[in-house]
Protein backbone atom coordinates (compact mmCIF):
# COMPACT_ATOMS: atom_id res chain seq x y z
CA UNK A 1 51.31 5.91 -57.81
CA UNK A 2 53.38 3.71 -60.13
CA UNK A 3 51.70 1.06 -62.31
CA UNK A 4 53.23 -2.43 -62.15
CA UNK A 5 52.37 -5.29 -64.50
CA UNK A 6 53.59 -8.90 -64.31
CA UNK A 7 55.09 -10.80 -67.26
CA UNK A 8 56.10 -14.19 -65.93
CA UNK A 9 59.12 -13.82 -63.69
CA UNK A 10 59.61 -10.24 -64.81
CA UNK A 11 57.62 -7.19 -63.97
CA UNK A 12 57.37 -3.79 -65.55
CA UNK A 13 56.99 -0.47 -63.67
CA UNK A 14 55.64 2.68 -65.24
CA UNK A 15 55.99 5.76 -63.04
CA UNK A 16 54.15 9.10 -62.99
CA UNK A 17 55.44 12.65 -63.54
CA UNK A 18 54.84 13.47 -59.87
CA UNK A 19 56.34 10.35 -58.34
CA UNK A 20 60.07 9.93 -57.72
CA UNK A 21 60.90 6.20 -58.00
CA UNK A 22 64.06 4.62 -56.55
CA UNK A 23 65.13 1.18 -57.79
CA UNK A 24 67.65 -0.48 -55.48
CA UNK A 25 69.36 -3.80 -55.87
CA UNK A 26 71.70 -5.25 -53.23
CA UNK A 27 71.68 -1.98 -51.31
CA UNK A 28 72.68 0.11 -54.28
CA UNK A 29 70.52 2.50 -56.25
CA UNK A 30 70.17 1.16 -59.76
CA UNK A 31 68.03 4.00 -61.09
CA UNK A 32 65.88 6.81 -59.77
CA UNK A 33 63.82 9.73 -61.06
CA UNK A 34 60.34 10.80 -62.06
CA UNK A 35 58.42 9.33 -64.98
CA UNK A 36 60.63 6.20 -65.15
CA UNK A 37 59.64 3.02 -66.94
CA UNK A 38 61.74 -0.12 -66.51
CA UNK A 39 61.77 -3.90 -66.01
CA UNK A 40 62.79 -5.48 -62.74
CA UNK A 41 62.93 -8.78 -60.90
CA UNK A 42 60.67 -8.73 -57.85
CA UNK A 43 62.94 -11.01 -55.82
CA UNK A 44 65.97 -8.75 -56.09
CA UNK A 45 64.47 -5.27 -56.51
CA UNK A 46 63.61 -2.80 -53.76
CA UNK A 47 61.27 -0.07 -54.94
CA UNK A 48 60.39 3.25 -53.29
CA UNK A 49 58.15 6.03 -54.58
CA UNK A 50 58.25 9.53 -53.11
CA UNK A 51 55.66 12.09 -54.32
CA UNK A 52 57.27 15.35 -55.43
CA UNK A 53 54.09 17.40 -56.04
CA UNK A 54 52.83 20.09 -53.62
CA UNK A 55 50.57 18.66 -50.96
CA UNK A 56 48.04 20.38 -48.72
CA UNK A 57 47.84 19.50 -45.04
CA UNK A 58 44.78 20.96 -43.26
CA UNK A 59 45.23 21.64 -39.55
CA UNK A 60 42.66 22.20 -36.83
CA UNK A 61 43.84 22.40 -33.25
CA UNK A 62 43.06 24.20 -30.00
CA UNK A 63 45.24 26.70 -28.16
CA UNK A 64 45.04 28.76 -24.97
CA UNK A 65 45.58 32.50 -24.83
CA UNK A 66 47.44 34.46 -22.17
CA UNK A 67 44.14 35.14 -20.37
CA UNK A 68 43.35 31.38 -20.29
CA UNK A 69 40.74 31.40 -23.04
CA UNK A 70 40.45 28.46 -25.40
CA UNK A 71 40.58 29.18 -29.13
CA UNK A 72 40.58 26.96 -32.19
CA UNK A 73 43.07 27.52 -35.00
CA UNK A 74 42.30 26.50 -38.57
CA UNK A 75 45.27 26.49 -40.92
CA UNK A 76 46.69 24.83 -44.01
CA UNK A 77 50.34 23.87 -44.66
CA UNK A 78 51.58 23.37 -48.20
CA UNK A 79 54.71 21.21 -48.45
CA UNK A 80 56.65 19.00 -50.85
CA UNK A 81 59.56 16.56 -50.77
CA UNK A 82 62.41 18.67 -52.09
CA UNK A 83 64.94 15.84 -51.67
CA UNK A 84 63.05 12.63 -52.46
CA UNK A 85 66.14 10.39 -52.14
CA UNK A 86 66.82 11.78 -48.67
CA UNK A 87 63.15 11.42 -47.71
CA UNK A 88 63.15 7.80 -48.92
CA UNK A 89 66.19 7.10 -46.74
CA UNK A 90 64.55 8.55 -43.61
CA UNK A 91 60.91 7.57 -44.13
CA UNK A 92 59.56 4.27 -45.39
CA UNK A 93 58.25 4.96 -48.94
CA UNK A 94 58.72 1.39 -50.14
CA UNK A 95 56.08 0.02 -52.50
CA UNK A 96 54.86 -3.51 -53.10
CA UNK A 97 56.43 -5.04 -56.18
CA UNK A 98 53.13 -6.54 -57.30
CA UNK A 99 50.60 -3.74 -56.69
CA UNK A 100 52.73 -0.60 -56.52
CA UNK A 101 51.12 0.45 -53.22
CA UNK A 102 53.01 1.71 -50.21
CA UNK A 103 53.74 -0.98 -47.67
CA UNK A 104 53.57 1.60 -44.81
CA UNK A 105 51.84 4.95 -44.30
CA UNK A 106 54.57 7.49 -45.00
CA UNK A 107 52.27 10.43 -45.67
CA UNK A 108 50.50 9.94 -42.34
CA UNK A 109 53.87 9.99 -40.63
CA UNK A 110 54.82 13.21 -42.42
CA UNK A 111 51.43 14.76 -41.64
CA UNK A 112 51.83 13.90 -37.96
CA UNK A 113 55.28 15.46 -37.92
CA UNK A 114 54.15 18.66 -39.64
CA UNK A 115 51.06 18.97 -37.44
CA UNK A 116 53.06 18.72 -34.23
CA UNK A 117 55.69 21.20 -35.43
CA UNK A 118 53.07 23.70 -36.65
CA UNK A 119 51.04 23.38 -33.45
CA UNK A 120 54.14 23.92 -31.35
CA UNK A 121 54.96 27.24 -33.01
CA UNK A 122 51.33 28.41 -32.97
CA UNK A 123 50.76 27.41 -29.36
CA UNK A 124 53.91 29.16 -28.20
CA UNK A 125 52.82 32.42 -29.83
CA UNK A 126 49.13 32.32 -28.84
CA UNK A 127 50.05 31.60 -25.22
CA UNK A 128 51.66 35.08 -25.06
CA UNK A 129 48.68 36.91 -26.59
CA UNK A 130 45.46 38.03 -24.87
CA UNK A 131 42.24 36.84 -26.42
CA UNK A 132 41.40 40.22 -27.92
CA UNK A 133 44.81 40.49 -29.61
CA UNK A 134 44.64 36.90 -30.84
CA UNK A 135 41.25 37.47 -32.43
CA UNK A 136 42.06 40.92 -33.81
CA UNK A 137 45.53 40.49 -35.27
CA UNK A 138 46.51 36.93 -34.51
CA UNK A 139 46.05 35.55 -38.03
CA UNK A 140 49.03 37.23 -39.59
CA UNK A 141 51.22 36.80 -36.50
CA UNK A 142 50.48 33.08 -36.18
CA UNK A 143 50.94 32.58 -39.93
CA UNK A 144 54.33 34.29 -39.93
CA UNK A 145 55.48 32.34 -36.85
CA UNK A 146 54.40 29.01 -38.31
CA UNK A 147 55.97 29.72 -41.70
CA UNK A 148 59.27 30.86 -40.18
CA UNK A 149 59.34 27.97 -37.70
CA UNK A 150 58.59 25.27 -40.30
CA UNK A 151 60.96 26.74 -42.87
CA UNK A 152 63.89 26.86 -40.45
CA UNK A 153 63.13 23.58 -38.73
CA UNK A 154 66.15 21.22 -38.94
CA UNK A 155 64.02 18.12 -38.53
CA UNK A 156 62.18 18.81 -41.77
CA UNK A 157 65.44 19.57 -43.53
CA UNK A 158 66.85 16.22 -42.42
CA UNK A 159 63.99 14.34 -44.08
CA UNK A 160 64.03 16.47 -47.25
CA UNK A 161 60.72 18.26 -46.68
CA UNK A 162 60.30 21.89 -47.79
CA UNK A 163 57.37 24.02 -46.63
CA UNK A 164 56.02 26.07 -49.54
CA UNK A 165 53.32 28.06 -47.78
CA UNK A 166 51.35 28.40 -44.56
CA UNK A 167 47.82 29.82 -44.43
CA UNK A 168 45.90 30.52 -41.22
CA UNK A 169 42.23 30.61 -42.06
CA UNK A 170 40.66 31.41 -38.71
CA UNK A 171 41.23 31.81 -34.99
CA UNK A 172 37.95 31.44 -33.16
CA UNK A 173 36.92 31.10 -29.51
CA UNK A 174 34.28 28.65 -28.36
CA UNK A 175 30.66 29.30 -29.28
CA UNK A 176 29.56 30.82 -25.94
CA UNK A 177 32.56 33.12 -25.71
CA UNK A 178 32.17 34.13 -29.33
CA UNK A 179 28.55 35.07 -28.76
CA UNK A 180 29.55 37.02 -25.65
CA UNK A 181 32.21 38.90 -27.63
CA UNK A 182 29.76 39.59 -30.42
CA UNK A 183 27.13 40.98 -28.05
CA UNK A 184 28.63 44.51 -27.58
CA UNK A 185 29.12 44.92 -31.30
CA UNK A 186 25.65 43.64 -32.02
CA UNK A 187 24.22 45.94 -29.38
CA UNK A 188 26.12 48.87 -30.88
CA UNK A 189 24.90 47.96 -34.35
CA UNK A 190 21.36 47.64 -33.02
CA UNK A 191 21.69 51.01 -31.29
CA UNK A 192 22.97 52.55 -34.52
CA UNK A 193 20.06 50.94 -36.38
CA UNK A 194 17.58 52.23 -33.79
CA UNK A 195 19.19 55.67 -33.97
CA UNK A 196 18.90 55.64 -37.72
CA UNK A 197 15.26 54.55 -37.39
CA UNK A 198 14.53 57.31 -34.89
CA UNK A 199 16.29 59.88 -37.04
CA UNK A 200 14.35 58.69 -40.06
CA UNK A 201 11.10 58.94 -38.11
CA UNK A 202 12.07 62.36 -36.77
CA UNK A 203 12.89 63.48 -40.29
CA UNK A 204 9.57 62.11 -41.50
CA UNK A 205 7.74 63.94 -38.69
CA UNK A 206 9.64 67.13 -39.49
CA UNK A 207 8.75 66.80 -43.14
CA UNK A 208 5.11 66.14 -42.27
CA UNK A 209 5.14 69.19 -39.99
CA UNK A 210 6.64 71.29 -42.78
CA UNK A 211 4.00 69.98 -45.17
CA UNK A 212 1.25 70.74 -42.64
CA UNK A 213 2.63 74.24 -42.09
CA UNK A 214 2.75 74.80 -45.84
CA UNK A 215 -0.82 73.58 -46.17
CA UNK A 216 -1.91 75.80 -43.25
CA UNK A 217 -0.07 78.77 -44.74
CA UNK A 218 -1.72 78.06 -48.06
CA UNK A 219 -5.13 77.92 -46.36
CA UNK A 220 -4.42 81.19 -44.55
CA UNK A 221 -3.34 82.84 -47.79
CA UNK A 222 -6.41 81.45 -49.50
CA UNK A 223 -8.64 82.73 -46.68
CA UNK A 224 -7.01 86.18 -46.92
CA UNK A 225 -7.54 86.24 -50.65
CA UNK A 226 -11.12 85.03 -50.18
CA UNK A 227 -11.68 87.81 -47.63
CA UNK A 228 -10.29 90.34 -50.07
CA UNK A 229 -12.50 88.88 -52.77
CA UNK A 230 -15.61 89.12 -50.56
CA UNK A 231 -14.66 92.67 -49.57
CA UNK A 232 -14.11 93.63 -53.18
CA UNK A 233 -17.39 92.02 -54.15
CA UNK A 234 -19.13 94.05 -51.39
CA UNK A 235 -17.48 97.23 -52.64
CA UNK A 236 -18.56 96.37 -56.15
CA UNK A 237 -22.11 95.64 -55.01
CA UNK A 238 -22.25 98.90 -53.01
CA UNK A 239 -20.88 100.81 -55.97
CA UNK A 240 -23.37 99.13 -58.27
CA UNK A 241 -26.25 99.87 -55.85
CA UNK A 242 -25.07 103.48 -55.46
CA UNK A 243 -24.85 103.89 -59.18
CA UNK A 244 -28.24 102.25 -59.64
CA UNK A 245 -29.71 104.51 -56.92
CA UNK A 246 -28.14 107.55 -58.53
CA UNK A 247 -29.46 106.46 -61.89
CA UNK A 248 -32.90 105.86 -60.36
CA UNK A 249 -32.74 109.26 -58.64
CA UNK A 250 -31.82 110.92 -61.88
CA UNK A 251 -34.62 109.05 -63.63
CA UNK A 252 -37.08 110.01 -60.90
CA UNK A 253 -35.93 113.63 -61.02
CA UNK A 254 -36.27 113.59 -64.75
CA UNK A 255 -39.73 112.06 -64.50
CA UNK A 256 -40.75 114.56 -61.81
CA UNK A 257 -39.40 117.43 -63.84
CA UNK A 258 -41.19 116.08 -66.88
CA UNK A 259 -44.41 115.74 -64.88
CA UNK A 260 -44.00 119.28 -63.46
CA UNK A 261 -43.29 120.73 -66.84
CA UNK A 262 -46.23 118.79 -68.30
CA UNK A 263 -48.50 119.90 -65.48
CA UNK A 264 -47.27 123.47 -65.83
CA UNK A 265 -47.89 123.33 -69.54
CA UNK A 266 -51.35 121.84 -68.98
CA UNK A 267 -52.10 124.51 -66.38
CA UNK A 268 -50.86 127.25 -68.67
CA UNK A 269 -52.89 125.83 -71.52
CA UNK A 270 -55.94 125.51 -69.34
CA UNK A 271 -55.43 129.04 -68.04
CA UNK A 272 -54.98 130.39 -71.50
CA UNK A 273 -57.99 128.46 -72.76
CA UNK A 274 -60.04 129.71 -69.80
CA UNK A 275 -58.85 133.24 -70.35
CA UNK A 276 -59.67 132.94 -74.02
CA UNK A 277 -63.03 131.45 -73.25
CA UNK A 278 -63.65 134.18 -70.63
CA UNK A 279 -62.68 136.87 -73.08
CA UNK A 280 -64.86 135.28 -75.73
CA UNK A 281 -67.74 135.03 -73.26
CA UNK A 282 -67.13 138.60 -72.19
CA UNK A 283 -67.13 139.64 -75.81
CA UNK A 284 -70.31 137.70 -76.40
CA UNK A 285 -71.89 139.23 -73.32
CA UNK A 286 -70.80 142.68 -74.44
CA UNK A 287 -72.22 142.09 -77.86
CA UNK A 288 -75.37 140.62 -76.40
CA UNK A 289 -75.81 143.62 -74.15
CA UNK A 290 -76.14 145.87 -77.16
CA UNK A 291 -78.57 143.57 -78.99
CA UNK A 292 -82.36 143.72 -79.01
CA UNK A 293 -84.16 141.28 -76.76
CA UNK A 294 -85.82 139.63 -79.65
CA UNK A 295 -82.50 139.04 -81.24
CA UNK A 296 -81.21 137.61 -77.99
CA UNK A 297 -84.26 135.43 -77.82
CA UNK A 298 -83.64 134.20 -81.28
CA UNK A 299 -80.02 133.49 -80.52
CA UNK A 300 -81.03 131.66 -77.37
CA UNK A 301 -83.44 129.57 -79.27
CA UNK A 302 -80.84 128.79 -81.84
CA UNK A 303 -78.42 127.87 -79.10
CA UNK A 304 -81.03 125.76 -77.48
CA UNK A 305 -81.86 124.12 -80.71
CA UNK A 306 -78.21 123.26 -81.15
CA UNK A 307 -78.14 121.60 -77.78
CA UNK A 308 -81.31 119.60 -78.30
CA UNK A 309 -81.18 116.09 -79.67
CA UNK A 310 -82.21 115.45 -83.25
CA UNK A 311 -85.95 115.64 -83.57
CA UNK A 312 -87.59 113.84 -86.42
CA UNK A 313 -91.16 115.03 -85.88
CA UNK A 314 -92.44 117.85 -83.68
CA UNK A 315 -96.06 117.98 -82.75
CA UNK A 316 -97.20 121.45 -81.65
CA UNK A 317 -100.45 121.59 -79.82
CA UNK A 318 -102.37 124.75 -79.27
CA UNK A 319 -101.81 124.55 -75.55
CA UNK A 320 -98.07 124.38 -75.96
CA UNK A 321 -97.94 127.27 -78.35
CA UNK A 322 -100.21 129.34 -76.17
CA UNK A 323 -98.09 128.83 -73.12
CA UNK A 324 -94.80 129.51 -74.97
CA UNK A 325 -96.09 132.66 -76.55
CA UNK A 326 -97.36 133.80 -73.17
CA UNK A 327 -93.92 133.33 -71.61
CA UNK A 328 -92.17 135.13 -74.45
CA UNK A 329 -94.58 137.98 -74.21
CA UNK A 330 -94.02 138.18 -70.46
CA UNK A 331 -90.25 138.33 -70.90
CA UNK A 332 -90.58 140.96 -73.59
CA UNK A 333 -92.53 143.21 -71.29
């Protein structure tokens, strides 16, 4: 927007780089352009300012598909005034000489024009499309139709407006219909999620079963090894007992043999001693048989004396001597 300052009966206008200013006096254009700065008389000057920068026009309107479903279209139209002098001659862009503000609402008029033209092209195309096609691939088709229609529109060319770009952001049905359309997909996604959950659980169960089987197999193998160990221990114990029994038998046999040999030796020694003693006794008897009785009596007395205990004192009475002598005499006879 241009800046206007008052200096008495004169006023000064200072434009902007994006505003095209037209200064007319008596129906003739005195000067025009962007970024102008000049003096003027408010009573004789007619001023207009046309913006030449790109402007965004957001659009939101409803349309009906071929299957009679209501959808909302959200789009944005980018436009500019390519011929500002022509636009100023067709649309009221006049500004107040004191404030520099527009005396009308030219941009609202342009926005209304663009909105109706864009809606017309979009509505004509969406009316030929089923709801599914409009939602699936309608964005690009509606965008291309709106861009082509606005670019080739003669009405816009007559007012000097050029459409730079058209963007269709969304085509959406009403909330209830949108939820209904989303339900199959959501159900499919939920089914896929449940399937994945079941598969994960099945895999977990399979892994647990495999782990249990491995543990059971390990226990079986351990039991088999333990059985072999017990069996081997039994064999070892039996072998040890057999060897101990054999060793004990050998020891017993050795002891018995030793006892037999000892007994045999003792018997032989006793027999030999007895035989020797018998021979000696026989020899003594044979010798004694040839001896005189008195000699035998003397030997007997000596033998008897050797067998008697030690006698310190012997008292011989006449009676004892008489009886002993009588017995000796009787034996001698």
